[in-house]
C-alpha atoms as a PDB file:
ATOM      1  CA  MET A   1     111.166 180.184 160.612  1.00  0.00           C
ATOM      2  CA  SER A   2     113.884 180.301 157.913  1.00  0.00           C
ATOM      3  CA  SER A   3     112.995 180.610 154.252  1.00  0.00           C
ATOM      4  CA  LYS A   4     113.364 177.560 152.057  1.00  0.00           C
ATOM      5  CA  ILE A   5     113.923 176.440 148.480  1.00  0.00           C
ATOM      6  CA  LEU A   6     111.578 174.316 146.346  1.00  0.00           C
ATOM      7  CA  ILE A   7     112.897 172.445 143.302  1.00  0.00           C
ATOM      8  CA  ILE A   8     110.123 171.378 140.920  1.00  0.00           C
ATOM      9  CA  GLY A   9     111.281 168.587 138.612  1.00  0.00           C
ATOM     10  CA  ALA A  10     114.048 167.518 140.994  1.00  0.00           C
ATOM     11  CA  CYS A  11     114.333 164.047 139.446  1.00  0.00           C
ATOM     12  CA  GLY A  12     115.361 165.390 136.030  1.00  0.00           C
ATOM     13  CA  GLN A  13     118.882 165.536 134.620  1.00  0.00           C
ATOM     14  CA  ILE A  14     119.750 168.991 135.984  1.00  0.00           C
ATOM     15  CA  GLY A  15     117.323 168.904 138.917  1.00  0.00           C
ATOM     16  CA  THR A  16     119.008 165.858 140.465  1.00  0.00           C
ATOM     17  CA  GLU A  17     122.428 167.450 140.747  1.00  0.00           C
ATOM     18  CA  LEU A  18     121.057 170.907 141.507  1.00  0.00           C
ATOM     19  CA  THR A  19     119.221 169.463 144.511  1.00  0.00           C
ATOM     20  CA  THR A  20     122.434 167.914 145.830  1.00  0.00           C
ATOM     21  CA  LYS A  21     124.421 171.146 145.422  1.00  0.00           C
ATOM     22  CA  LEU A  22     121.764 173.367 146.995  1.00  0.00           C
ATOM     23  CA  ARG A  23     121.495 171.005 149.974  1.00  0.00           C
ATOM     24  CA  GLU A  24     125.271 171.222 150.411  1.00  0.00           C
ATOM     25  CA  ILE A  25     125.045 175.023 150.431  1.00  0.00           C
ATOM     26  CA  TYR A  26     121.829 175.707 152.349  1.00  0.00           C
ATOM     27  CA  GLY A  27     121.299 172.529 154.381  1.00  0.00           C
ATOM     28  CA  VAL A  28     119.270 169.411 153.634  1.00  0.00           C
ATOM     29  CA  ASP A  29     116.143 170.524 155.497  1.00  0.00           C
ATOM     30  CA  ASN A  30     116.019 173.874 153.700  1.00  0.00           C
ATOM     31  CA  VAL A  31     115.760 172.391 150.188  1.00  0.00           C
ATOM     32  CA  ILE A  32     112.490 170.655 149.292  1.00  0.00           C
ATOM     33  CA  ALA A  33     112.779 168.377 146.266  1.00  0.00           C
ATOM     34  CA  SER A  34     109.645 167.583 144.269  1.00  0.00           C
ATOM     35  CA  ASP A  35     108.645 165.656 141.178  1.00  0.00           C
ATOM     36  CA  ILE A  36     105.591 163.913 139.751  1.00  0.00           C
ATOM     37  CA  ASN A  37     106.963 160.502 140.749  1.00  0.00           C
ATOM     38  CA  THR A  38     109.501 158.919 143.065  1.00  0.00           C
ATOM     39  CA  ARG A  39     111.640 157.034 140.551  1.00  0.00           C
ATOM     40  CA  LYS A  40     114.944 158.302 141.975  1.00  0.00           C
ATOM     41  CA  LEU A  41     114.926 156.727 145.416  1.00  0.00           C
ATOM     42  CA  ASP A  42     118.362 158.009 146.391  1.00  0.00           C
ATOM     43  CA  LEU A  43     117.179 161.592 145.872  1.00  0.00           C
ATOM     44  CA  VAL A  44     113.767 160.942 147.418  1.00  0.00           C
ATOM     45  CA  ASN A  45     115.363 159.490 150.546  1.00  0.00           C
ATOM     46  CA  SER A  46     118.142 162.086 150.882  1.00  0.00           C
ATOM     47  CA  GLY A  47     115.934 164.868 152.279  1.00  0.00           C
ATOM     48  CA  PRO A  48     112.475 166.463 152.202  1.00  0.00           C
ATOM     49  CA  PHE A  49     110.514 165.327 149.138  1.00  0.00           C
ATOM     50  CA  GLU A  50     107.011 166.108 147.866  1.00  0.00           C
ATOM     51  CA  ILE A  51     105.102 164.544 144.961  1.00  0.00           C
ATOM     52  CA  ILE A  52     104.003 167.539 142.866  1.00  0.00           C
ATOM     53  CA  ASP A  53     102.579 167.752 139.356  1.00  0.00           C
ATOM     54  CA  ALA A  54     104.099 170.955 137.934  1.00  0.00           C
ATOM     55  CA  LYS A  55     100.822 171.591 136.064  1.00  0.00           C
ATOM     56  CA  ASN A  56      98.852 171.712 139.336  1.00  0.00           C
ATOM     57  CA  PHE A  57      98.784 175.293 140.629  1.00  0.00           C
ATOM     58  CA  ASN A  58      97.231 174.424 143.975  1.00  0.00           C
ATOM     59  CA  ALA A  59      99.754 171.683 144.655  1.00  0.00           C
ATOM     60  CA  ILE A  60     102.632 174.133 144.121  1.00  0.00           C
ATOM     61  CA  LYS A  61     100.889 176.834 146.134  1.00  0.00           C
ATOM     62  CA  ASP A  62     100.172 174.500 149.071  1.00  0.00           C
ATOM     63  CA  CYS A  63     103.735 173.210 149.122  1.00  0.00           C
ATOM     64  CA  CYS A  64     105.128 176.749 149.125  1.00  0.00           C
ATOM     65  CA  LYS A  65     102.842 177.698 151.996  1.00  0.00           C
ATOM     66  CA  ASN A  66     103.422 174.546 154.055  1.00  0.00           C
ATOM     67  CA  HIS A  67     107.207 174.763 153.797  1.00  0.00           C
ATOM     68  CA  ASN A  68     107.601 178.554 153.915  1.00  0.00           C
ATOM     69  CA  ILE A  69     109.163 178.523 150.440  1.00  0.00           C
ATOM     70  CA  ASP A  70     111.099 181.640 149.477  1.00  0.00           C
ATOM     71  CA  THR A  71     112.747 180.543 146.210  1.00  0.00           C
ATOM     72  CA  VAL A  72     111.529 178.195 143.461  1.00  0.00           C
ATOM     73  CA  TYR A  73     113.667 176.457 140.847  1.00  0.00           C
ATOM     74  CA  LEU A  74     111.267 175.295 138.109  1.00  0.00           C
ATOM     75  CA  MET A  75     113.186 172.487 136.349  1.00  0.00           C
ATOM     76  CA  ALA A  76     110.242 170.423 135.042  1.00  0.00           C
ATOM     77  CA  ALA A  77     109.941 170.301 131.234  1.00  0.00           C
ATOM     78  CA  LEU A  78     109.544 168.072 128.198  1.00  0.00           C
ATOM     79  CA  LEU A  79     112.768 168.414 126.197  1.00  0.00           C
ATOM     80  CA  SER A  80     113.297 168.925 122.474  1.00  0.00           C
ATOM     81  CA  ALA A  81     113.129 165.431 120.963  1.00  0.00           C
ATOM     82  CA  THR A  82     110.375 164.254 123.337  1.00  0.00           C
ATOM     83  CA  GLY A  83     108.437 167.472 122.769  1.00  0.00           C
ATOM     84  CA  GLU A  84     108.301 166.801 119.024  1.00  0.00           C
ATOM     85  CA  LYS A  85     106.585 163.484 119.722  1.00  0.00           C
ATOM     86  CA  TYR A  86     104.114 165.007 122.204  1.00  0.00           C
ATOM     87  CA  PRO A  87     103.734 168.680 121.200  1.00  0.00           C
ATOM     88  CA  MET A  88     100.604 169.568 123.161  1.00  0.00           C
ATOM     89  CA  GLU A  89     101.886 167.842 126.295  1.00  0.00           C
ATOM     90  CA  ALA A  90     105.128 169.814 125.960  1.00  0.00           C
ATOM     91  CA  TRP A  91     103.244 173.100 125.599  1.00  0.00           C
ATOM     92  CA  ASP A  92     100.967 172.278 128.539  1.00  0.00           C
ATOM     93  CA  LEU A  93     103.760 171.330 130.931  1.00  0.00           C
ATOM     94  CA  ASN A  94     106.387 173.857 129.889  1.00  0.00           C
ATOM     95  CA  MET A  95     104.078 176.887 129.793  1.00  0.00           C
ATOM     96  CA  ASN A  96     101.494 176.308 132.510  1.00  0.00           C
ATOM     97  CA  SER A  97     104.076 175.354 135.119  1.00  0.00           C
ATOM     98  CA  LEU A  98     105.859 178.651 134.440  1.00  0.00           C
ATOM     99  CA  PHE A  99     102.653 180.669 134.753  1.00  0.00           C
ATOM    100  CA  HIS A 100     101.880 178.957 138.070  1.00  0.00           C
ATOM    101  CA  VAL A 101     105.235 179.933 139.548  1.00  0.00           C
ATOM    102  CA  LEU A 102     105.275 183.463 138.084  1.00  0.00           C
ATOM    103  CA  ASN A 103     101.775 184.112 139.423  1.00  0.00           C
ATOM    104  CA  LEU A 104     102.767 182.893 142.887  1.00  0.00           C
ATOM    105  CA  ALA A 105     105.720 185.282 142.781  1.00  0.00           C
ATOM    106  CA  LYS A 106     103.515 188.101 141.485  1.00  0.00           C
ATOM    107  CA  GLY A 107     101.187 187.560 144.437  1.00  0.00           C
ATOM    108  CA  GLY A 108     104.058 187.648 146.900  1.00  0.00           C
ATOM    109  CA  ALA A 109     103.908 183.975 147.896  1.00  0.00           C
ATOM    110  CA  ILE A 110     107.535 183.484 146.787  1.00  0.00           C
ATOM    111  CA  LYS A 111     110.347 186.004 146.353  1.00  0.00           C
ATOM    112  CA  LYS A 112     112.721 184.562 143.748  1.00  0.00           C
ATOM    113  CA  VAL A 113     112.334 182.269 140.723  1.00  0.00           C
ATOM    114  CA  PHE A 114     114.797 180.351 138.564  1.00  0.00           C
ATOM    115  CA  TRP A 115     113.481 179.056 135.247  1.00  0.00           C
ATOM    116  CA  PRO A 116     115.770 177.431 132.658  1.00  0.00           C
ATOM    117  CA  SER A 117     115.697 178.484 129.034  1.00  0.00           C
ATOM    118  CA  SER A 118     117.740 176.830 126.296  1.00  0.00           C
ATOM    119  CA  ILE A 119     119.657 177.302 123.056  1.00  0.00           C
ATOM    120  CA  ALA A 120     116.475 175.805 121.553  1.00  0.00           C
ATOM    121  CA  VAL A 121     115.058 179.380 121.460  1.00  0.00           C
ATOM    122  CA  PHE A 122     117.291 179.939 118.441  1.00  0.00           C
ATOM    123  CA  GLY A 123     116.491 178.771 114.921  1.00  0.00           C
ATOM    124  CA  PRO A 124     117.872 178.543 111.372  1.00  0.00           C
ATOM    125  CA  THR A 125     117.696 182.342 110.938  1.00  0.00           C
ATOM    126  CA  THR A 126     119.845 182.945 114.037  1.00  0.00           C
ATOM    127  CA  PRO A 127     123.552 183.676 113.448  1.00  0.00           C
ATOM    128  CA  ARG A 128     125.208 180.267 114.009  1.00  0.00           C
ATOM    129  CA  GLU A 129     128.649 181.450 115.074  1.00  0.00           C
ATOM    130  CA  ASN A 130     129.024 183.320 118.368  1.00  0.00           C
ATOM    131  CA  THR A 131     125.276 183.791 118.647  1.00  0.00           C
ATOM    132  CA  PRO A 132     124.768 187.148 120.401  1.00  0.00           C
ATOM    133  CA  GLN A 133     122.670 187.772 123.500  1.00  0.00           C
ATOM    134  CA  HIS A 134     120.133 189.829 121.537  1.00  0.00           C
ATOM    135  CA  THR A 135     119.401 188.227 118.187  1.00  0.00           C
ATOM    136  CA  ILE A 136     116.748 186.635 115.961  1.00  0.00           C
ATOM    137  CA  CYS A 137     114.846 183.870 117.753  1.00  0.00           C
ATOM    138  CA  GLU A 138     112.670 181.811 115.400  1.00  0.00           C
ATOM    139  CA  PRO A 139     112.693 178.307 116.945  1.00  0.00           C
ATOM    140  CA  THR A 140     111.547 175.292 114.945  1.00  0.00           C
ATOM    141  CA  THR A 141     110.644 172.944 117.824  1.00  0.00           C
ATOM    142  CA  VAL A 142     107.795 172.997 120.332  1.00  0.00           C
ATOM    143  CA  TYR A 143     110.383 172.969 123.119  1.00  0.00           C
ATOM    144  CA  GLY A 144     112.113 175.988 121.614  1.00  0.00           C
ATOM    145  CA  ILE A 145     108.813 177.813 121.157  1.00  0.00           C
ATOM    146  CA  THR A 146     107.907 177.270 124.822  1.00  0.00           C
ATOM    147  CA  LYS A 147     111.305 178.560 125.899  1.00  0.00           C
ATOM    148  CA  GLN A 148     111.116 181.627 123.663  1.00  0.00           C
ATOM    149  CA  VAL A 149     107.615 182.475 124.881  1.00  0.00           C
ATOM    150  CA  GLY A 150     108.668 181.743 128.458  1.00  0.00           C
ATOM    151  CA  GLU A 151     111.549 184.212 128.191  1.00  0.00           C
ATOM    152  CA  ARG A 152     109.145 186.928 127.108  1.00  0.00           C
ATOM    153  CA  TRP A 153     106.794 186.197 130.000  1.00  0.00           C
ATOM    154  CA  CYS A 154     109.654 186.187 132.517  1.00  0.00           C
ATOM    155  CA  GLU A 155     110.781 189.611 131.336  1.00  0.00           C
ATOM    156  CA  TYR A 156     107.186 190.847 131.326  1.00  0.00           C
ATOM    157  CA  TYR A 157     106.525 189.696 134.894  1.00  0.00           C
ATOM    158  CA  HIS A 158     109.755 191.354 136.036  1.00  0.00           C
ATOM    159  CA  ASN A 159     109.035 194.658 134.293  1.00  0.00           C
ATOM    160  CA  LYS A 160     105.306 194.741 135.090  1.00  0.00           C
ATOM    161  CA  TYR A 161     105.138 193.205 138.573  1.00  0.00           C
ATOM    162  CA  GLY A 162     108.712 193.322 139.859  1.00  0.00           C
ATOM    163  CA  VAL A 163     109.097 189.534 139.966  1.00  0.00           C
ATOM    164  CA  ASP A 164     112.705 188.540 140.640  1.00  0.00           C
ATOM    165  CA  VAL A 165     112.977 185.865 137.954  1.00  0.00           C
ATOM    166  CA  ARG A 166     116.334 184.705 136.575  1.00  0.00           C
ATOM    167  CA  SER A 167     117.137 182.440 133.654  1.00  0.00           C
ATOM    168  CA  ILE A 168     119.913 180.847 131.610  1.00  0.00           C
ATOM    169  CA  ARG A 169     119.863 179.584 128.037  1.00  0.00           C
ATOM    170  CA  TYR A 170     121.454 176.220 128.764  1.00  0.00           C
ATOM    171  CA  PRO A 171     123.505 174.578 126.039  1.00  0.00           C
ATOM    172  CA  GLY A 172     123.665 170.774 125.871  1.00  0.00           C
ATOM    173  CA  ILE A 173     124.372 169.423 129.367  1.00  0.00           C
ATOM    174  CA  ILE A 174     126.653 166.419 129.940  1.00  0.00           C
ATOM    175  CA  SER A 175     126.483 164.443 133.190  1.00  0.00           C
ATOM    176  CA  HIS A 176     127.647 161.085 134.535  1.00  0.00           C
ATOM    177  CA  LYS A 177     124.975 161.000 137.246  1.00  0.00           C
ATOM    178  CA  ALA A 178     121.752 161.238 135.247  1.00  0.00           C
ATOM    179  CA  MET A 179     120.772 159.294 132.135  1.00  0.00           C
ATOM    180  CA  PRO A 180     119.714 161.175 128.970  1.00  0.00           C
ATOM    181  CA  GLY A 181     116.262 162.735 129.156  1.00  0.00           C
ATOM    182  CA  GLY A 182     115.041 163.108 125.567  1.00  0.00           C
ATOM    183  CA  GLY A 183     117.184 165.978 124.299  1.00  0.00           C
ATOM    184  CA  THR A 184     118.886 166.452 120.943  1.00  0.00           C
ATOM    185  CA  THR A 185     122.286 166.916 122.615  1.00  0.00           C
ATOM    186  CA  ASP A 186     121.929 163.673 124.581  1.00  0.00           C
ATOM    187  CA  TYR A 187     124.256 161.845 122.200  1.00  0.00           C
ATOM    188  CA  ALA A 188     127.093 163.469 124.137  1.00  0.00           C
ATOM    189  CA  VAL A 189     125.994 161.594 127.263  1.00  0.00           C
ATOM    190  CA  GLU A 190     125.093 158.315 125.571  1.00  0.00           C
ATOM    191  CA  ILE A 191     128.463 158.133 123.805  1.00  0.00           C
ATOM    192  CA  TYR A 192     130.397 157.795 127.071  1.00  0.00           C
ATOM    193  CA  HIS A 193     128.141 155.004 128.356  1.00  0.00           C
ATOM    194  CA  GLU A 194     128.418 153.088 125.090  1.00  0.00           C
ATOM    195  CA  ALA A 195     132.181 153.639 124.887  1.00  0.00           C
ATOM    196  CA  LEU A 196     132.599 151.849 128.200  1.00  0.00           C
ATOM    197  CA  LYS A 197     129.950 149.165 127.690  1.00  0.00           C
ATOM    198  CA  ASN A 198     130.423 148.261 124.023  1.00  0.00           C
ATOM    199  CA  SER A 199     133.484 150.196 122.755  1.00  0.00           C
ATOM    200  CA  THR A 200     131.318 151.521 119.922  1.00  0.00           C
ATOM    201  CA  TYR A 201     128.523 154.036 119.382  1.00  0.00           C
ATOM    202  CA  GLU A 202     126.075 154.812 116.556  1.00  0.00           C
ATOM    203  CA  CYS A 203     125.453 158.544 116.657  1.00  0.00           C
ATOM    204  CA  PHE A 204     122.081 160.032 115.653  1.00  0.00           C
ATOM    205  CA  LEU A 205     123.810 163.229 114.463  1.00  0.00           C
ATOM    206  CA  SER A 206     126.316 163.617 111.624  1.00  0.00           C
ATOM    207  CA  GLU A 207     130.017 163.726 112.458  1.00  0.00           C
ATOM    208  CA  ASN A 208     130.572 167.469 111.912  1.00  0.00           C
ATOM    209  CA  THR A 209     127.506 168.794 113.751  1.00  0.00           C
ATOM    210  CA  SER A 210     128.980 171.349 116.147  1.00  0.00           C
ATOM    211  CA  LEU A 211     126.800 172.311 119.121  1.00  0.00           C
ATOM    212  CA  PRO A 212     127.337 174.337 122.301  1.00  0.00           C
ATOM    213  CA  MET A 213     127.850 172.010 125.277  1.00  0.00           C
ATOM    214  CA  MET A 214     128.650 172.186 128.974  1.00  0.00           C
ATOM    215  CA  PHE A 215     129.706 169.782 131.705  1.00  0.00           C
ATOM    216  CA  MET A 216     127.093 169.483 134.456  1.00  0.00           C
ATOM    217  CA  ASP A 217     129.412 170.863 137.152  1.00  0.00           C
ATOM    218  CA  ASP A 218     129.690 174.110 135.190  1.00  0.00           C
ATOM    219  CA  ALA A 219     125.915 174.252 134.586  1.00  0.00           C
ATOM    220  CA  ILE A 220     125.186 173.855 138.294  1.00  0.00           C
ATOM    221  CA  LYS A 221     127.813 176.458 139.190  1.00  0.00           C
ATOM    222  CA  ALA A 222     126.292 178.929 136.720  1.00  0.00           C
ATOM    223  CA  THR A 223     122.809 178.371 138.126  1.00  0.00           C
ATOM    224  CA  VAL A 224     123.892 178.864 141.734  1.00  0.00           C
ATOM    225  CA  ASP A 225     126.045 181.886 140.889  1.00  0.00           C
ATOM    226  CA  LEU A 226     123.218 183.589 139.006  1.00  0.00           C
ATOM    227  CA  MET A 227     120.781 183.057 141.880  1.00  0.00           C
ATOM    228  CA  GLN A 228     123.241 184.373 144.479  1.00  0.00           C
ATOM    229  CA  VAL A 229     124.229 187.596 142.703  1.00  0.00           C
ATOM    230  CA  ASN A 230     122.711 190.920 143.775  1.00  0.00           C
ATOM    231  CA  THR A 231     119.696 191.861 141.688  1.00  0.00           C
ATOM    232  CA  GLU A 232     121.245 195.228 140.805  1.00  0.00           C
ATOM    233  CA  GLN A 233     123.950 193.474 138.776  1.00  0.00           C
ATOM    234  CA  LEU A 234     121.481 191.810 136.408  1.00  0.00           C
ATOM    235  CA  SER A 235     120.705 193.433 133.056  1.00  0.00           C
ATOM    236  CA  ILE A 236     118.882 190.445 131.500  1.00  0.00           C
ATOM    237  CA  ARG A 237     115.493 189.232 132.726  1.00  0.00           C
ATOM    238  CA  SER A 238     114.596 187.058 129.737  1.00  0.00           C
ATOM    239  CA  ALA A 239     117.525 184.569 129.801  1.00  0.00           C
ATOM    240  CA  TYR A 240     121.295 184.879 129.727  1.00  0.00           C
ATOM    241  CA  ASN A 241     123.342 183.303 126.964  1.00  0.00           C
ATOM    242  CA  LEU A 242     125.690 180.767 128.546  1.00  0.00           C
ATOM    243  CA  SER A 243     128.655 179.066 126.928  1.00  0.00           C
ATOM    244  CA  ALA A 244     131.491 176.726 127.786  1.00  0.00           C
ATOM    245  CA  ILE A 245     132.623 174.487 124.888  1.00  0.00           C
ATOM    246  CA  SER A 246     131.438 173.581 121.392  1.00  0.00           C
ATOM    247  CA  PHE A 247     132.352 170.314 119.680  1.00  0.00           C
ATOM    248  CA  THR A 248     131.211 167.803 117.059  1.00  0.00           C
ATOM    249  CA  PRO A 249     130.491 164.073 117.464  1.00  0.00           C
ATOM    250  CA  LYS A 250     133.781 163.441 115.638  1.00  0.00           C
ATOM    251  CA  GLU A 251     135.693 165.604 118.120  1.00  0.00           C
ATOM    252  CA  ILE A 252     134.149 163.995 121.208  1.00  0.00           C
ATOM    253  CA  ALA A 253     134.934 160.559 119.725  1.00  0.00           C
ATOM    254  CA  GLU A 254     138.568 161.603 119.251  1.00  0.00           C
ATOM    255  CA  SER A 255     138.676 162.810 122.846  1.00  0.00           C
ATOM    256  CA  ILE A 256     137.346 159.429 124.030  1.00  0.00           C
ATOM    257  CA  LYS A 257     139.910 157.562 121.904  1.00  0.00           C
ATOM    258  CA  LYS A 258     142.696 159.274 123.867  1.00  0.00           C
ATOM    259  CA  GLN A 259     141.417 157.365 126.897  1.00  0.00           C
ATOM    260  CA  LEU A 260     139.969 154.305 125.110  1.00  0.00           C
ATOM    261  CA  PRO A 261     141.927 153.666 121.879  1.00  0.00           C
ATOM    262  CA  GLU A 262     139.663 150.764 120.889  1.00  0.00           C
ATOM    263  CA  PHE A 263     136.544 152.973 120.729  1.00  0.00           C
ATOM    264  CA  SER A 264     134.814 153.359 117.335  1.00  0.00           C
ATOM    265  CA  ILE A 265     131.907 155.501 116.165  1.00  0.00           C
ATOM    266  CA  SER A 266     129.439 155.358 113.262  1.00  0.00           C
ATOM    267  CA  TYR A 267     126.807 157.837 112.130  1.00  0.00           C
ATOM    268  CA  ASN A 268     123.120 157.361 111.340  1.00  0.00           C
ATOM    269  CA  PRO A 269     121.392 160.763 111.539  1.00  0.00           C
ATOM    270  CA  ASP A 270     117.665 160.726 112.396  1.00  0.00           C
ATOM    271  CA  PHE A 271     114.998 163.401 112.946  1.00  0.00           C
ATOM    272  CA  ARG A 272     117.166 165.042 115.606  1.00  0.00           C
ATOM    273  CA  GLN A 273     119.640 166.124 112.925  1.00  0.00           C
ATOM    274  CA  ALA A 274     117.199 168.744 111.645  1.00  0.00           C
ATOM    275  CA  ILE A 275     116.769 170.061 115.185  1.00  0.00           C
ATOM    276  CA  ALA A 276     120.531 170.275 115.698  1.00  0.00           C
ATOM    277  CA  ASP A 277     120.977 172.019 112.336  1.00  0.00           C
ATOM    278  CA  SER A 278     118.603 174.763 113.468  1.00  0.00           C
ATOM    279  CA  TRP A 279     120.690 175.584 116.552  1.00  0.00           C
ATOM    280  CA  PRO A 280     123.882 177.651 116.919  1.00  0.00           C
ATOM    281  CA  SER A 281     127.340 176.076 116.822  1.00  0.00           C
ATOM    282  CA  SER A 282     128.781 178.546 119.344  1.00  0.00           C
ATOM    283  CA  ILE A 283     127.410 181.110 121.802  1.00  0.00           C
ATOM    284  CA  ASP A 284     128.547 184.610 122.803  1.00  0.00           C
ATOM    285  CA  ASP A 285     127.988 184.863 126.562  1.00  0.00           C
ATOM    286  CA  ASN A 286     129.913 188.070 127.274  1.00  0.00           C
ATOM    287  CA  VAL A 287     126.892 189.637 129.010  1.00  0.00           C
ATOM    288  CA  ALA A 288     126.814 186.844 131.608  1.00  0.00           C
ATOM    289  CA  ARG A 289     130.575 187.090 132.063  1.00  0.00           C
ATOM    290  CA  LYS A 290     130.306 190.876 132.580  1.00  0.00           C
ATOM    291  CA  ASP A 291     127.161 190.971 134.756  1.00  0.00           C
ATOM    292  CA  TRP A 292     127.932 188.146 137.195  1.00  0.00           C
ATOM    293  CA  ASN A 293     131.482 187.075 136.398  1.00  0.00           C
ATOM    294  CA  TRP A 294     130.510 183.757 134.801  1.00  0.00           C
ATOM    295  CA  GLN A 295     133.454 181.464 133.989  1.00  0.00           C
ATOM    296  CA  HIS A 296     133.480 177.803 132.967  1.00  0.00           C
ATOM    297  CA  SER A 297     136.041 175.265 134.205  1.00  0.00           C
ATOM    298  CA  PHE A 298     135.866 172.188 131.939  1.00  0.00           C
ATOM    299  CA  ASP A 299     137.176 171.862 128.392  1.00  0.00           C
ATOM    300  CA  LEU A 300     136.422 168.805 126.220  1.00  0.00           C
ATOM    301  CA  ASP A 301     139.328 166.600 127.335  1.00  0.00           C
ATOM    302  CA  ALA A 302     138.861 167.454 131.011  1.00  0.00           C
ATOM    303  CA  MET A 303     135.169 166.598 130.721  1.00  0.00           C
ATOM    304  CA  THR A 304     135.927 163.314 128.921  1.00  0.00           C
ATOM    305  CA  LYS A 305     138.415 162.280 131.588  1.00  0.00           C
ATOM    306  CA  GLU A 306     135.948 163.002 134.386  1.00  0.00           C
ATOM    307  CA  MET A 307     133.020 161.334 132.598  1.00  0.00           C
ATOM    308  CA  LEU A 308     134.943 158.115 131.926  1.00  0.00           C
ATOM    309  CA  THR A 309     136.463 158.036 135.423  1.00  0.00           C
ATOM    310  CA  GLN A 310     133.085 158.396 137.134  1.00  0.00           C
ATOM    311  CA  LEU A 311     131.215 156.019 134.801  1.00  0.00           C
ATOM    312  CA  LYS A 312     133.888 153.341 135.269  1.00  0.00           C
ATOM    313  CA  LYS A 313     133.223 153.543 139.002  1.00  0.00           C
ATOM    314  CA  LYS A 314     129.495 153.273 138.400  1.00  0.00           C
ATOM    315  CA  TYR A 315     129.749 150.231 136.126  1.00  0.00           C
ATOM    316  CA  SER A 316     132.293 148.430 138.286  1.00  0.00           C
ATOM    317  CA  ALA A 317     129.977 148.885 141.280  1.00  0.00           C
END
C-alpha cells in the first residue's frame, strides 16, 4: 500500500491551492484533504476528504492510520487579525494541533511534517529592512507568539527525536482563488476584488506601509520544493525566511491603475495598522535560496496582471 499525504486545514487560503497542486503531483487518491467543515464543496468533491478538528488528537491519529498517511501538512490556524479577537482560541488551535502532529511523528506514525510559520514571529525590535534568518523575535500578536513558540518546538522535536519537520515563514499571500481569511496582509487580496467590483477601495493600512508579500503560485512552489528536497540539504528546522516582493498599498494601487485607470484608493487605518507596523518591510531569504535553491517568479506587475485576469473570469462567470 503506497504512502499518502494528509492536509489538515485544506479549506483555508493556502490549503485549498496546496491540495490541488499536491493532487496534480502525487495523484488524487494519494492526497487526503481535511477540515473542520465542508464549506468548500469543489474541494470536498474533488477527492478524498475527511472532517477533522485539528485540536482532536485521536481524530488525526485515526485518519493517519486508516489512510496509511506518511506526510502531514498542518495548515489549520487562526490568523493575525482574527487571533487578536479570539486570543485563547488562537493559542488552543495553533499550538495543540502542532503538538498532536509532532507527537504522531515522534511516535513513528508519520514520517514527515510541514508546518507553516509566518513573518508574524517578528516584532518591533526586529530589524525591519532585509530581516535576517537569525534575528530578534519578539512578536506582539497572539498569532505571532504561537508561530514563534511553534518554531522552537519544531526544532526541539527534530533535534531531540529526529522528527523530519519543515517550515517556512510565509509573508503575506495573495490569491485569486481563496477569499481573505482574517490576516493583516489581506488588504492586498481585497483590493483586487474591490477594484473590479467598485473601482475603489478603502484600505485599512496607511499608504506607505511596506510589507513582504508573495503570489500564491510562488508560495505553493516554495512549499512543495521544501518538502521534496533531501533532508541533508536543510540547515534550518525552525522555519526558513522566505521572500518574493515587498510593496505598499500605494504601490499596489498604482500597479492596478496600469490595468484599470479609473481605480481609486483611500486610507482608513484600523487596529491592523499596529500589527503591520510591528512586522518587517523586507526579508533576507538567502539561506532558503542557498539550501534548496528557492526562487520566486512573480513581481508586483506580473501578479497584478494575473490577479485581475483571473478575477475577471470569476466575476463574468
